[in-house]
Amino acid sequence: YAGTPHDHVEDHALSLVVQQYKLPRHLL
C-alpha cells in the first residue's frame, strides 16, 4: 500500500491492482 512491494511477484502484481483500483485495505 506504500507502493514499495517486497520482492515477490505476487506482491508486485497486487501493488499494481491496489494502485489502479484503490482497493480498500480492510478487505485484505
mmCIF file of all heavy atoms, coordinates in Angstrom:
data_MODEL
# 
_entry.id   MODEL 
# 
loop_
_atom_site.group_PDB 
_atom_site.id 
_atom_site.type_symbol 
_atom_site.label_atom_id 
_atom_site.label_alt_id 
_atom_site.label_comp_id 
_atom_site.label_asym_id 
_atom_site.label_entity_id 
_atom_site.label_seq_id 
_atom_site.pdbx_PDB_ins_code 
_atom_site.Cartn_x 
_atom_site.Cartn_y 
_atom_site.Cartn_z 
_atom_site.occupancy 
_atom_site.B_iso_or_equiv 
_atom_site.pdbx_formal_charge 
_atom_site.auth_seq_id 
_atom_site.auth_comp_id 
_atom_site.auth_asym_id 
_atom_site.auth_atom_id 
_atom_site.pdbx_PDB_model_num 
ATOM 1   N N   . TYR A 1 1  ? 0.812   -1.220  0.000   1.00 0.00 ? 1  TYR A N   1 
ATOM 2   C CA  . TYR A 1 1  ? 0.000   0.000   0.000   1.00 0.00 ? 1  TYR A CA  1 
ATOM 3   C C   . TYR A 1 1  ? 0.846   1.272   0.000   1.00 0.00 ? 1  TYR A C   1 
ATOM 4   O O   . TYR A 1 1  ? 0.352   2.354   -0.316  1.00 0.00 ? 1  TYR A O   1 
ATOM 5   C CB  . TYR A 1 1  ? -0.990  -0.018  1.167   1.00 0.00 ? 1  TYR A CB  1 
ATOM 6   C CG  . TYR A 1 1  ? -2.255  -0.758  0.815   1.00 0.00 ? 1  TYR A CG  1 
ATOM 7   C CD1 . TYR A 1 1  ? -2.304  -2.155  0.870   1.00 0.00 ? 1  TYR A CD1 1 
ATOM 8   C CD2 . TYR A 1 1  ? -3.383  -0.089  0.362   1.00 0.00 ? 1  TYR A CD2 1 
ATOM 9   C CE1 . TYR A 1 1  ? -3.449  -2.846  0.507   1.00 0.00 ? 1  TYR A CE1 1 
ATOM 10  C CE2 . TYR A 1 1  ? -4.536  -0.774  -0.003  1.00 0.00 ? 1  TYR A CE2 1 
ATOM 11  C CZ  . TYR A 1 1  ? -4.556  -2.147  0.068   1.00 0.00 ? 1  TYR A CZ  1 
ATOM 12  O OH  . TYR A 1 1  ? -5.683  -2.832  -0.307  1.00 0.00 ? 1  TYR A OH  1 
ATOM 13  N N   . ALA A 1 2  ? 2.134   1.130   0.321   1.00 0.00 ? 2  ALA A N   1 
ATOM 14  C CA  . ALA A 1 2  ? 3.044   2.267   0.212   1.00 0.00 ? 2  ALA A CA  1 
ATOM 15  C C   . ALA A 1 2  ? 3.643   2.378   -1.182  1.00 0.00 ? 2  ALA A C   1 
ATOM 16  O O   . ALA A 1 2  ? 4.361   3.332   -1.484  1.00 0.00 ? 2  ALA A O   1 
ATOM 17  C CB  . ALA A 1 2  ? 4.164   2.126   1.248   1.00 0.00 ? 2  ALA A CB  1 
ATOM 18  N N   . GLY A 1 3  ? 3.357   1.394   -2.045  1.00 0.00 ? 3  GLY A N   1 
ATOM 19  C CA  . GLY A 1 3  ? 3.905   1.418   -3.391  1.00 0.00 ? 3  GLY A CA  1 
ATOM 20  C C   . GLY A 1 3  ? 5.323   0.895   -3.472  1.00 0.00 ? 3  GLY A C   1 
ATOM 21  O O   . GLY A 1 3  ? 6.004   1.093   -4.477  1.00 0.00 ? 3  GLY A O   1 
ATOM 22  N N   . THR A 1 4  ? 5.774   0.220   -2.403  1.00 0.00 ? 4  THR A N   1 
ATOM 23  C CA  . THR A 1 4  ? 7.135   -0.323  -2.372  1.00 0.00 ? 4  THR A CA  1 
ATOM 24  C C   . THR A 1 4  ? 7.068   -1.811  -2.009  1.00 0.00 ? 4  THR A C   1 
ATOM 25  O O   . THR A 1 4  ? 7.553   -2.216  -0.942  1.00 0.00 ? 4  THR A O   1 
ATOM 26  C CB  . THR A 1 4  ? 8.003   0.430   -1.346  1.00 0.00 ? 4  THR A CB  1 
ATOM 27  O OG1 . THR A 1 4  ? 7.350   0.367   -0.055  1.00 0.00 ? 4  THR A OG1 1 
ATOM 28  C CG2 . THR A 1 4  ? 8.192   1.872   -1.748  1.00 0.00 ? 4  THR A CG2 1 
ATOM 29  N N   . PRO A 1 5  ? 6.472   -2.627  -2.852  1.00 0.00 ? 5  PRO A N   1 
ATOM 30  C CA  . PRO A 1 5  ? 6.257   -4.032  -2.503  1.00 0.00 ? 5  PRO A CA  1 
ATOM 31  C C   . PRO A 1 5  ? 7.557   -4.803  -2.306  1.00 0.00 ? 5  PRO A C   1 
ATOM 32  O O   . PRO A 1 5  ? 8.582   -4.464  -2.900  1.00 0.00 ? 5  PRO A O   1 
ATOM 33  C CB  . PRO A 1 5  ? 5.472   -4.571  -3.700  1.00 0.00 ? 5  PRO A CB  1 
ATOM 34  C CG  . PRO A 1 5  ? 5.845   -3.674  -4.831  1.00 0.00 ? 5  PRO A CG  1 
ATOM 35  C CD  . PRO A 1 5  ? 6.010   -2.316  -4.217  1.00 0.00 ? 5  PRO A CD  1 
ATOM 36  N N   . HIS A 1 6  ? 7.480   -5.842  -1.472  1.00 0.00 ? 6  HIS A N   1 
ATOM 37  C CA  . HIS A 1 6  ? 8.623   -6.730  -1.285  1.00 0.00 ? 6  HIS A CA  1 
ATOM 38  C C   . HIS A 1 6  ? 8.899   -7.479  -2.584  1.00 0.00 ? 6  HIS A C   1 
ATOM 39  O O   . HIS A 1 6  ? 8.087   -7.496  -3.506  1.00 0.00 ? 6  HIS A O   1 
ATOM 40  C CB  . HIS A 1 6  ? 8.351   -7.706  -0.150  1.00 0.00 ? 6  HIS A CB  1 
ATOM 41  C CG  . HIS A 1 6  ? 8.324   -7.060  1.199   1.00 0.00 ? 6  HIS A CG  1 
ATOM 42  N ND1 . HIS A 1 6  ? 8.198   -7.766  2.377   1.00 0.00 ? 6  HIS A ND1 1 
ATOM 43  C CD2 . HIS A 1 6  ? 8.405   -5.752  1.573   1.00 0.00 ? 6  HIS A CD2 1 
ATOM 44  C CE1 . HIS A 1 6  ? 8.210   -6.944  3.404   1.00 0.00 ? 6  HIS A CE1 1 
ATOM 45  N NE2 . HIS A 1 6  ? 8.314   -5.712  2.944   1.00 0.00 ? 6  HIS A NE2 1 
ATOM 46  N N   . ASP A 1 7  ? 10.050  -8.128  -2.639  1.00 0.00 ? 7  ASP A N   1 
ATOM 47  C CA  . ASP A 1 7  ? 10.497  -8.751  -3.877  1.00 0.00 ? 7  ASP A CA  1 
ATOM 48  C C   . ASP A 1 7  ? 9.842   -10.114 -4.090  1.00 0.00 ? 7  ASP A C   1 
ATOM 49  O O   . ASP A 1 7  ? 10.501  -11.158 -4.088  1.00 0.00 ? 7  ASP A O   1 
ATOM 50  C CB  . ASP A 1 7  ? 12.020  -8.896  -3.871  1.00 0.00 ? 7  ASP A CB  1 
ATOM 51  C CG  . ASP A 1 7  ? 12.566  -9.228  -5.253  1.00 0.00 ? 7  ASP A CG  1 
ATOM 52  O OD1 . ASP A 1 7  ? 11.840  -8.983  -6.236  1.00 0.00 ? 7  ASP A OD1 1 
ATOM 53  O OD2 . ASP A 1 7  ? 13.706  -9.720  -5.347  1.00 0.00 ? 7  ASP A OD2 1 
ATOM 54  N N   . HIS A 1 8  ? 8.505   -10.094 -4.217  1.00 0.00 ? 8  HIS A N   1 
ATOM 55  C CA  . HIS A 1 8  ? 7.736   -11.287 -4.563  1.00 0.00 ? 8  HIS A CA  1 
ATOM 56  C C   . HIS A 1 8  ? 6.834   -10.908 -5.731  1.00 0.00 ? 8  HIS A C   1 
ATOM 57  O O   . HIS A 1 8  ? 6.240   -9.824  -5.739  1.00 0.00 ? 8  HIS A O   1 
ATOM 58  C CB  . HIS A 1 8  ? 6.866   -11.756 -3.391  1.00 0.00 ? 8  HIS A CB  1 
ATOM 59  C CG  . HIS A 1 8  ? 7.619   -12.025 -2.126  1.00 0.00 ? 8  HIS A CG  1 
ATOM 60  N ND1 . HIS A 1 8  ? 8.458   -13.096 -1.967  1.00 0.00 ? 8  HIS A ND1 1 
ATOM 61  C CD2 . HIS A 1 8  ? 7.648   -11.346 -0.949  1.00 0.00 ? 8  HIS A CD2 1 
ATOM 62  C CE1 . HIS A 1 8  ? 8.984   -13.086 -0.749  1.00 0.00 ? 8  HIS A CE1 1 
ATOM 63  N NE2 . HIS A 1 8  ? 8.504   -12.026 -0.118  1.00 0.00 ? 8  HIS A NE2 1 
ATOM 64  N N   . VAL A 1 9  ? 6.717   -11.787 -6.718  1.00 0.00 ? 9  VAL A N   1 
ATOM 65  C CA  . VAL A 1 9  ? 5.935   -11.421 -7.900  1.00 0.00 ? 9  VAL A CA  1 
ATOM 66  C C   . VAL A 1 9  ? 4.495   -11.112 -7.538  1.00 0.00 ? 9  VAL A C   1 
ATOM 67  O O   . VAL A 1 9  ? 3.883   -10.190 -8.102  1.00 0.00 ? 9  VAL A O   1 
ATOM 68  C CB  . VAL A 1 9  ? 5.994   -12.542 -8.969  1.00 0.00 ? 9  VAL A CB  1 
ATOM 69  C CG1 . VAL A 1 9  ? 7.372   -12.655 -9.557  1.00 0.00 ? 9  VAL A CG1 1 
ATOM 70  C CG2 . VAL A 1 9  ? 5.519   -13.875 -8.410  1.00 0.00 ? 9  VAL A CG2 1 
ATOM 71  N N   . GLU A 1 10 ? 3.918   -11.886 -6.584  1.00 0.00 ? 10 GLU A N   1 
ATOM 72  C CA  . GLU A 1 10 ? 2.523   -11.654 -6.217  1.00 0.00 ? 10 GLU A CA  1 
ATOM 73  C C   . GLU A 1 10 ? 2.354   -10.310 -5.523  1.00 0.00 ? 10 GLU A C   1 
ATOM 74  O O   . GLU A 1 10 ? 1.325   -9.647  -5.673  1.00 0.00 ? 10 GLU A O   1 
ATOM 75  C CB  . GLU A 1 10 ? 1.986   -12.797 -5.342  1.00 0.00 ? 10 GLU A CB  1 
ATOM 76  C CG  . GLU A 1 10 ? 2.662   -12.964 -4.011  1.00 0.00 ? 10 GLU A CG  1 
ATOM 77  C CD  . GLU A 1 10 ? 3.884   -13.889 -4.073  1.00 0.00 ? 10 GLU A CD  1 
ATOM 78  O OE1 . GLU A 1 10 ? 4.338   -14.200 -5.198  1.00 0.00 ? 10 GLU A OE1 1 
ATOM 79  O OE2 . GLU A 1 10 ? 4.370   -14.294 -3.004  1.00 0.00 ? 10 GLU A OE2 1 
ATOM 80  N N   . ASP A 1 11 ? 3.366   -9.865  -4.779  1.00 0.00 ? 11 ASP A N   1 
ATOM 81  C CA  . ASP A 1 11 ? 3.304   -8.555  -4.129  1.00 0.00 ? 11 ASP A CA  1 
ATOM 82  C C   . ASP A 1 11 ? 3.368   -7.438  -5.167  1.00 0.00 ? 11 ASP A C   1 
ATOM 83  O O   . ASP A 1 11 ? 2.636   -6.438  -5.070  1.00 0.00 ? 11 ASP A O   1 
ATOM 84  C CB  . ASP A 1 11 ? 4.451   -8.402  -3.132  1.00 0.00 ? 11 ASP A CB  1 
ATOM 85  C CG  . ASP A 1 11 ? 4.292   -9.281  -1.901  1.00 0.00 ? 11 ASP A CG  1 
ATOM 86  O OD1 . ASP A 1 11 ? 3.787   -10.408 -2.056  1.00 0.00 ? 11 ASP A OD1 1 
ATOM 87  O OD2 . ASP A 1 11 ? 4.668   -8.858  -0.794  1.00 0.00 ? 11 ASP A OD2 1 
ATOM 88  N N   . HIS A 1 12 ? 4.246   -7.580  -6.150  1.00 0.00 ? 12 HIS A N   1 
ATOM 89  C CA  . HIS A 1 12 ? 4.352   -6.563  -7.204  1.00 0.00 ? 12 HIS A CA  1 
ATOM 90  C C   . HIS A 1 12 ? 3.036   -6.472  -7.983  1.00 0.00 ? 12 HIS A C   1 
ATOM 91  O O   . HIS A 1 12 ? 2.558   -5.370  -8.274  1.00 0.00 ? 12 HIS A O   1 
ATOM 92  C CB  . HIS A 1 12 ? 5.504   -6.910  -8.149  1.00 0.00 ? 12 HIS A CB  1 
ATOM 93  C CG  . HIS A 1 12 ? 6.859   -6.553  -7.615  1.00 0.00 ? 12 HIS A CG  1 
ATOM 94  N ND1 . HIS A 1 12 ? 7.349   -5.265  -7.631  1.00 0.00 ? 12 HIS A ND1 1 
ATOM 95  C CD2 . HIS A 1 12 ? 7.810   -7.320  -7.024  1.00 0.00 ? 12 HIS A CD2 1 
ATOM 96  C CE1 . HIS A 1 12 ? 8.561   -5.243  -7.088  1.00 0.00 ? 12 HIS A CE1 1 
ATOM 97  N NE2 . HIS A 1 12 ? 8.865   -6.480  -6.710  1.00 0.00 ? 12 HIS A NE2 1 
ATOM 98  N N   . ALA A 1 13 ? 2.459   -7.630  -8.315  1.00 0.00 ? 13 ALA A N   1 
ATOM 99  C CA  . ALA A 1 13 ? 1.212   -7.624  -9.081  1.00 0.00 ? 13 ALA A CA  1 
ATOM 100 C C   . ALA A 1 13 ? 0.073   -7.015  -8.276  1.00 0.00 ? 13 ALA A C   1 
ATOM 101 O O   . ALA A 1 13 ? -0.696  -6.192  -8.789  1.00 0.00 ? 13 ALA A O   1 
ATOM 102 C CB  . ALA A 1 13 ? 0.864   -9.054  -9.507  1.00 0.00 ? 13 ALA A CB  1 
ATOM 103 N N   . LEU A 1 14 ? -0.050  -7.410  -6.993  1.00 0.00 ? 14 LEU A N   1 
ATOM 104 C CA  . LEU A 1 14 ? -1.119  -6.856  -6.163  1.00 0.00 ? 14 LEU A CA  1 
ATOM 105 C C   . LEU A 1 14 ? -0.928  -5.361  -5.952  1.00 0.00 ? 14 LEU A C   1 
ATOM 106 O O   . LEU A 1 14 ? -1.903  -4.605  -5.893  1.00 0.00 ? 14 LEU A O   1 
ATOM 107 C CB  . LEU A 1 14 ? -1.173  -7.583  -4.814  1.00 0.00 ? 14 LEU A CB  1 
ATOM 108 C CG  . LEU A 1 14 ? -2.273  -7.104  -3.861  1.00 0.00 ? 14 LEU A CG  1 
ATOM 109 C CD1 . LEU A 1 14 ? -3.655  -7.262  -4.486  1.00 0.00 ? 14 LEU A CD1 1 
ATOM 110 C CD2 . LEU A 1 14 ? -2.209  -7.865  -2.539  1.00 0.00 ? 14 LEU A CD2 1 
ATOM 111 N N   . SER A 1 15 ? 0.308   -4.914  -5.846  1.00 0.00 ? 15 SER A N   1 
ATOM 112 C CA  . SER A 1 15 ? 0.561   -3.483  -5.667  1.00 0.00 ? 15 SER A CA  1 
ATOM 113 C C   . SER A 1 15 ? 0.009   -2.684  -6.839  1.00 0.00 ? 15 SER A C   1 
ATOM 114 O O   . SER A 1 15 ? -0.564  -1.602  -6.658  1.00 0.00 ? 15 SER A O   1 
ATOM 115 C CB  . SER A 1 15 ? 2.070   -3.231  -5.526  1.00 0.00 ? 15 SER A CB  1 
ATOM 116 O OG  . SER A 1 15 ? 2.332   -1.854  -5.334  1.00 0.00 ? 15 SER A OG  1 
ATOM 117 N N   . LEU A 1 16 ? 0.135   -3.221  -8.055  1.00 0.00 ? 16 LEU A N   1 
ATOM 118 C CA  . LEU A 1 16 ? -0.418  -2.532  -9.216  1.00 0.00 ? 16 LEU A CA  1 
ATOM 119 C C   . LEU A 1 16 ? -1.943  -2.516  -9.181  1.00 0.00 ? 16 LEU A C   1 
ATOM 120 O O   . LEU A 1 16 ? -2.574  -1.532  -9.563  1.00 0.00 ? 16 LEU A O   1 
ATOM 121 C CB  . LEU A 1 16 ? 0.078   -3.201  -10.500 1.00 0.00 ? 16 LEU A CB  1 
ATOM 122 C CG  . LEU A 1 16 ? 1.572   -3.024  -10.785 1.00 0.00 ? 16 LEU A CG  1 
ATOM 123 C CD1 . LEU A 1 16 ? 1.974   -3.826  -12.018 1.00 0.00 ? 16 LEU A CD1 1 
ATOM 124 C CD2 . LEU A 1 16 ? 1.923   -1.552  -10.965 1.00 0.00 ? 16 LEU A CD2 1 
ATOM 125 N N   . VAL A 1 17 ? -2.552  -3.619  -8.707  1.00 0.00 ? 17 VAL A N   1 
ATOM 126 C CA  . VAL A 1 17 ? -4.014  -3.651  -8.565  1.00 0.00 ? 17 VAL A CA  1 
ATOM 127 C C   . VAL A 1 17 ? -4.456  -2.599  -7.549  1.00 0.00 ? 17 VAL A C   1 
ATOM 128 O O   . VAL A 1 17 ? -5.430  -1.863  -7.767  1.00 0.00 ? 17 VAL A O   1 
ATOM 129 C CB  . VAL A 1 17 ? -4.484  -5.050  -8.122  1.00 0.00 ? 17 VAL A CB  1 
ATOM 130 C CG1 . VAL A 1 17 ? -5.981  -5.040  -7.800  1.00 0.00 ? 17 VAL A CG1 1 
ATOM 131 C CG2 . VAL A 1 17 ? -4.190  -6.086  -9.196  1.00 0.00 ? 17 VAL A CG2 1 
ATOM 132 N N   . VAL A 1 18 ? -3.755  -2.526  -6.423  1.00 0.00 ? 18 VAL A N   1 
ATOM 133 C CA  . VAL A 1 18 ? -4.083  -1.545  -5.387  1.00 0.00 ? 18 VAL A CA  1 
ATOM 134 C C   . VAL A 1 18 ? -3.993  -0.131  -5.943  1.00 0.00 ? 18 VAL A C   1 
ATOM 135 O O   . VAL A 1 18 ? -4.860  0.720   -5.692  1.00 0.00 ? 18 VAL A O   1 
ATOM 136 C CB  . VAL A 1 18 ? -3.143  -1.728  -4.176  1.00 0.00 ? 18 VAL A CB  1 
ATOM 137 C CG1 . VAL A 1 18 ? -3.236  -0.531  -3.230  1.00 0.00 ? 18 VAL A CG1 1 
ATOM 138 C CG2 . VAL A 1 18 ? -3.485  -3.023  -3.434  1.00 0.00 ? 18 VAL A CG2 1 
ATOM 139 N N   . GLN A 1 19 ? -2.953  0.134   -6.724  1.00 0.00 ? 19 GLN A N   1 
ATOM 140 C CA  . GLN A 1 19 ? -2.775  1.472   -7.283  1.00 0.00 ? 19 GLN A CA  1 
ATOM 141 C C   . GLN A 1 19 ? -3.865  1.802   -8.301  1.00 0.00 ? 19 GLN A C   1 
ATOM 142 O O   . GLN A 1 19 ? -4.426  2.904   -8.290  1.00 0.00 ? 19 GLN A O   1 
ATOM 143 C CB  . GLN A 1 19 ? -1.394  1.573   -7.944  1.00 0.00 ? 19 GLN A CB  1 
ATOM 144 C CG  . GLN A 1 19 ? -0.228  1.532   -6.965  1.00 0.00 ? 19 GLN A CG  1 
ATOM 145 C CD  . GLN A 1 19 ? 1.103   1.578   -7.683  1.00 0.00 ? 19 GLN A CD  1 
ATOM 146 O OE1 . GLN A 1 19 ? 1.286   2.356   -8.609  1.00 0.00 ? 19 GLN A OE1 1 
ATOM 147 N NE2 . GLN A 1 19 ? 2.036   0.747   -7.250  1.00 0.00 ? 19 GLN A NE2 1 
ATOM 148 N N   . GLN A 1 20 ? -4.151  0.854   -9.182  1.00 0.00 ? 20 GLN A N   1 
ATOM 149 C CA  . GLN A 1 20 ? -5.117  1.121   -10.240 1.00 0.00 ? 20 GLN A CA  1 
ATOM 150 C C   . GLN A 1 20 ? -6.538  1.267   -9.713  1.00 0.00 ? 20 GLN A C   1 
ATOM 151 O O   . GLN A 1 20 ? -7.301  2.112   -10.183 1.00 0.00 ? 20 GLN A O   1 
ATOM 152 C CB  . GLN A 1 20 ? -5.077  -0.006  -11.274 1.00 0.00 ? 20 GLN A CB  1 
ATOM 153 C CG  . GLN A 1 20 ? -3.880  0.059   -12.209 1.00 0.00 ? 20 GLN A CG  1 
ATOM 154 C CD  . GLN A 1 20 ? -3.921  -1.033  -13.258 1.00 0.00 ? 20 GLN A CD  1 
ATOM 155 O OE1 . GLN A 1 20 ? -3.001  -1.812  -13.371 1.00 0.00 ? 20 GLN A OE1 1 
ATOM 156 N NE2 . GLN A 1 20 ? -4.978  -1.089  -14.031 1.00 0.00 ? 20 GLN A NE2 1 
ATOM 157 N N   . TYR A 1 21 ? -6.898  0.432   -8.731  1.00 0.00 ? 21 TYR A N   1 
ATOM 158 C CA  . TYR A 1 21 ? -8.291  0.381   -8.288  1.00 0.00 ? 21 TYR A CA  1 
ATOM 159 C C   . TYR A 1 21 ? -8.520  0.975   -6.905  1.00 0.00 ? 21 TYR A C   1 
ATOM 160 O O   . TYR A 1 21 ? -9.657  0.993   -6.433  1.00 0.00 ? 21 TYR A O   1 
ATOM 161 C CB  . TYR A 1 21 ? -8.784  -1.074  -8.301  1.00 0.00 ? 21 TYR A CB  1 
ATOM 162 C CG  . TYR A 1 21 ? -8.860  -1.659  -9.682  1.00 0.00 ? 21 TYR A CG  1 
ATOM 163 C CD1 . TYR A 1 21 ? -7.819  -2.430  -10.179 1.00 0.00 ? 21 TYR A CD1 1 
ATOM 164 C CD2 . TYR A 1 21 ? -9.963  -1.432  -10.500 1.00 0.00 ? 21 TYR A CD2 1 
ATOM 165 C CE1 . TYR A 1 21 ? -7.878  -2.974  -11.462 1.00 0.00 ? 21 TYR A CE1 1 
ATOM 166 C CE2 . TYR A 1 21 ? -10.025 -1.963  -11.773 1.00 0.00 ? 21 TYR A CE2 1 
ATOM 167 C CZ  . TYR A 1 21 ? -8.974  -2.732  -12.249 1.00 0.00 ? 21 TYR A CZ  1 
ATOM 168 O OH  . TYR A 1 21 ? -9.034  -3.267  -13.511 1.00 0.00 ? 21 TYR A OH  1 
ATOM 169 N N   . LYS A 1 22 ? -7.460  1.449   -6.249  1.00 0.00 ? 22 LYS A N   1 
ATOM 170 C CA  . LYS A 1 22 ? -7.571  1.980   -4.882  1.00 0.00 ? 22 LYS A CA  1 
ATOM 171 C C   . LYS A 1 22 ? -8.294  0.964   -3.986  1.00 0.00 ? 22 LYS A C   1 
ATOM 172 O O   . LYS A 1 22 ? -9.221  1.305   -3.250  1.00 0.00 ? 22 LYS A O   1 
ATOM 173 C CB  . LYS A 1 22 ? -8.325  3.320   -4.881  1.00 0.00 ? 22 LYS A CB  1 
ATOM 174 C CG  . LYS A 1 22 ? -7.731  4.370   -5.825  1.00 0.00 ? 22 LYS A CG  1 
ATOM 175 C CD  . LYS A 1 22 ? -6.302  4.717   -5.475  1.00 0.00 ? 22 LYS A CD  1 
ATOM 176 C CE  . LYS A 1 22 ? -5.755  5.840   -6.359  1.00 0.00 ? 22 LYS A CE  1 
ATOM 177 N NZ  . LYS A 1 22 ? -5.541  5.427   -7.748  1.00 0.00 ? 22 LYS A NZ  1 
ATOM 178 N N   . LEU A 1 23 ? -7.860  -0.275  -4.077  1.00 0.00 ? 23 LEU A N   1 
ATOM 179 C CA  . LEU A 1 23 ? -8.504  -1.378  -3.364  1.00 0.00 ? 23 LEU A CA  1 
ATOM 180 C C   . LEU A 1 23 ? -8.448  -1.147  -1.859  1.00 0.00 ? 23 LEU A C   1 
ATOM 181 O O   . LEU A 1 23 ? -7.363  -0.992  -1.294  1.00 0.00 ? 23 LEU A O   1 
ATOM 182 C CB  . LEU A 1 23 ? -7.803  -2.691  -3.718  1.00 0.00 ? 23 LEU A CB  1 
ATOM 183 C CG  . LEU A 1 23 ? -8.463  -3.986  -3.268  1.00 0.00 ? 23 LEU A CG  1 
ATOM 184 C CD1 . LEU A 1 23 ? -9.792  -4.178  -3.992  1.00 0.00 ? 23 LEU A CD1 1 
ATOM 185 C CD2 . LEU A 1 23 ? -7.535  -5.168  -3.529  1.00 0.00 ? 23 LEU A CD2 1 
ATOM 186 N N   . PRO A 1 24 ? -9.589  -1.129  -1.161  1.00 0.00 ? 24 PRO A N   1 
ATOM 187 C CA  . PRO A 1 24 ? -9.582  -0.843  0.281   1.00 0.00 ? 24 PRO A CA  1 
ATOM 188 C C   . PRO A 1 24 ? -8.783  -1.887  1.068   1.00 0.00 ? 24 PRO A C   1 
ATOM 189 O O   . PRO A 1 24 ? -8.986  -3.093  0.910   1.00 0.00 ? 24 PRO A O   1 
ATOM 190 C CB  . PRO A 1 24 ? -11.073 -0.890  0.659   1.00 0.00 ? 24 PRO A CB  1 
ATOM 191 C CG  . PRO A 1 24 ? -11.793 -0.581  -0.612  1.00 0.00 ? 24 PRO A CG  1 
ATOM 192 C CD  . PRO A 1 24 ? -10.971 -1.215  -1.692  1.00 0.00 ? 24 PRO A CD  1 
ATOM 193 N N   . ARG A 1 25 ? -7.897  -1.417  1.912   1.00 0.00 ? 25 ARG A N   1 
ATOM 194 C CA  . ARG A 1 25 ? -7.002  -2.287  2.672   1.00 0.00 ? 25 ARG A CA  1 
ATOM 195 C C   . ARG A 1 25 ? -7.749  -3.214  3.634   1.00 0.00 ? 25 ARG A C   1 
ATOM 196 O O   . ARG A 1 25 ? -7.348  -4.367  3.848   1.00 0.00 ? 25 ARG A O   1 
ATOM 197 C CB  . ARG A 1 25 ? -6.007  -1.393  3.450   1.00 0.00 ? 25 ARG A CB  1 
ATOM 198 C CG  . ARG A 1 25 ? -5.216  -2.042  4.567   1.00 0.00 ? 25 ARG A CG  1 
ATOM 199 C CD  . ARG A 1 25 ? -4.115  -2.948  4.054   1.00 0.00 ? 25 ARG A CD  1 
ATOM 200 N NE  . ARG A 1 25 ? -3.385  -3.556  5.160   1.00 0.00 ? 25 ARG A NE  1 
ATOM 201 C CZ  . ARG A 1 25 ? -2.237  -3.093  5.657   1.00 0.00 ? 25 ARG A CZ  1 
ATOM 202 N NH1 . ARG A 1 25 ? -1.697  -1.981  5.166   1.00 0.00 ? 25 ARG A NH1 1 
ATOM 203 N NH2 . ARG A 1 25 ? -1.628  -3.716  6.637   1.00 0.00 ? 25 ARG A NH2 1 
ATOM 204 N N   . HIS A 1 26 ? -8.848  -2.757  4.211   1.00 0.00 ? 26 HIS A N   1 
ATOM 205 C CA  . HIS A 1 26 ? -9.502  -3.557  5.243   1.00 0.00 ? 26 HIS A CA  1 
ATOM 206 C C   . HIS A 1 26 ? -10.063 -4.866  4.703   1.00 0.00 ? 26 HIS A C   1 
ATOM 207 O O   . HIS A 1 26 ? -10.245 -5.820  5.457   1.00 0.00 ? 26 HIS A O   1 
ATOM 208 C CB  . HIS A 1 26 ? -10.625 -2.740  5.918   1.00 0.00 ? 26 HIS A CB  1 
ATOM 209 C CG  . HIS A 1 26 ? -11.867 -2.601  5.098   1.00 0.00 ? 26 HIS A CG  1 
ATOM 210 N ND1 . HIS A 1 26 ? -11.957 -1.775  4.006   1.00 0.00 ? 26 HIS A ND1 1 
ATOM 211 C CD2 . HIS A 1 26 ? -13.077 -3.209  5.203   1.00 0.00 ? 26 HIS A CD2 1 
ATOM 212 C CE1 . HIS A 1 26 ? -13.167 -1.862  3.485   1.00 0.00 ? 26 HIS A CE1 1 
ATOM 213 N NE2 . HIS A 1 26 ? -13.875 -2.729  4.189   1.00 0.00 ? 26 HIS A NE2 1 
ATOM 214 N N   . LEU A 1 27 ? -10.305 -4.941  3.391   1.00 0.00 ? 27 LEU A N   1 
ATOM 215 C CA  . LEU A 1 27 ? -10.800 -6.186  2.810   1.00 0.00 ? 27 LEU A CA  1 
ATOM 216 C C   . LEU A 1 27 ? -9.725  -7.275  2.863   1.00 0.00 ? 27 LEU A C   1 
ATOM 217 O O   . LEU A 1 27 ? -10.009 -8.429  3.188   1.00 0.00 ? 27 LEU A O   1 
ATOM 218 C CB  . LEU A 1 27 ? -11.254 -5.949  1.367   1.00 0.00 ? 27 LEU A CB  1 
ATOM 219 C CG  . LEU A 1 27 ? -12.432 -4.990  1.184   1.00 0.00 ? 27 LEU A CG  1 
ATOM 220 C CD1 . LEU A 1 27 ? -12.704 -4.743  -0.296  1.00 0.00 ? 27 LEU A CD1 1 
ATOM 221 C CD2 . LEU A 1 27 ? -13.687 -5.521  1.878   1.00 0.00 ? 27 LEU A CD2 1 
ATOM 222 N N   . LEU A 1 28 ? -8.494  -6.912  2.565   1.00 0.00 ? 28 LEU A N   1 
ATOM 223 C CA  . LEU A 1 28 ? -7.394  -7.869  2.648   1.00 0.00 ? 28 LEU A CA  1 
ATOM 224 C C   . LEU A 1 28 ? -7.077  -8.213  4.104   1.00 0.00 ? 28 LEU A C   1 
ATOM 225 O O   . LEU A 1 28 ? -6.753  -9.362  4.424   1.00 0.00 ? 28 LEU A O   1 
ATOM 226 C CB  . LEU A 1 28 ? -6.162  -7.312  1.940   1.00 0.00 ? 28 LEU A CB  1 
ATOM 227 C CG  . LEU A 1 28 ? -6.221  -7.390  0.410   1.00 0.00 ? 28 LEU A CG  1 
ATOM 228 C CD1 . LEU A 1 28 ? -5.246  -6.407  -0.226  1.00 0.00 ? 28 LEU A CD1 1 
ATOM 229 C CD2 . LEU A 1 28 ? -5.942  -8.801  -0.079  1.00 0.00 ? 28 LEU A CD2 1 
# 
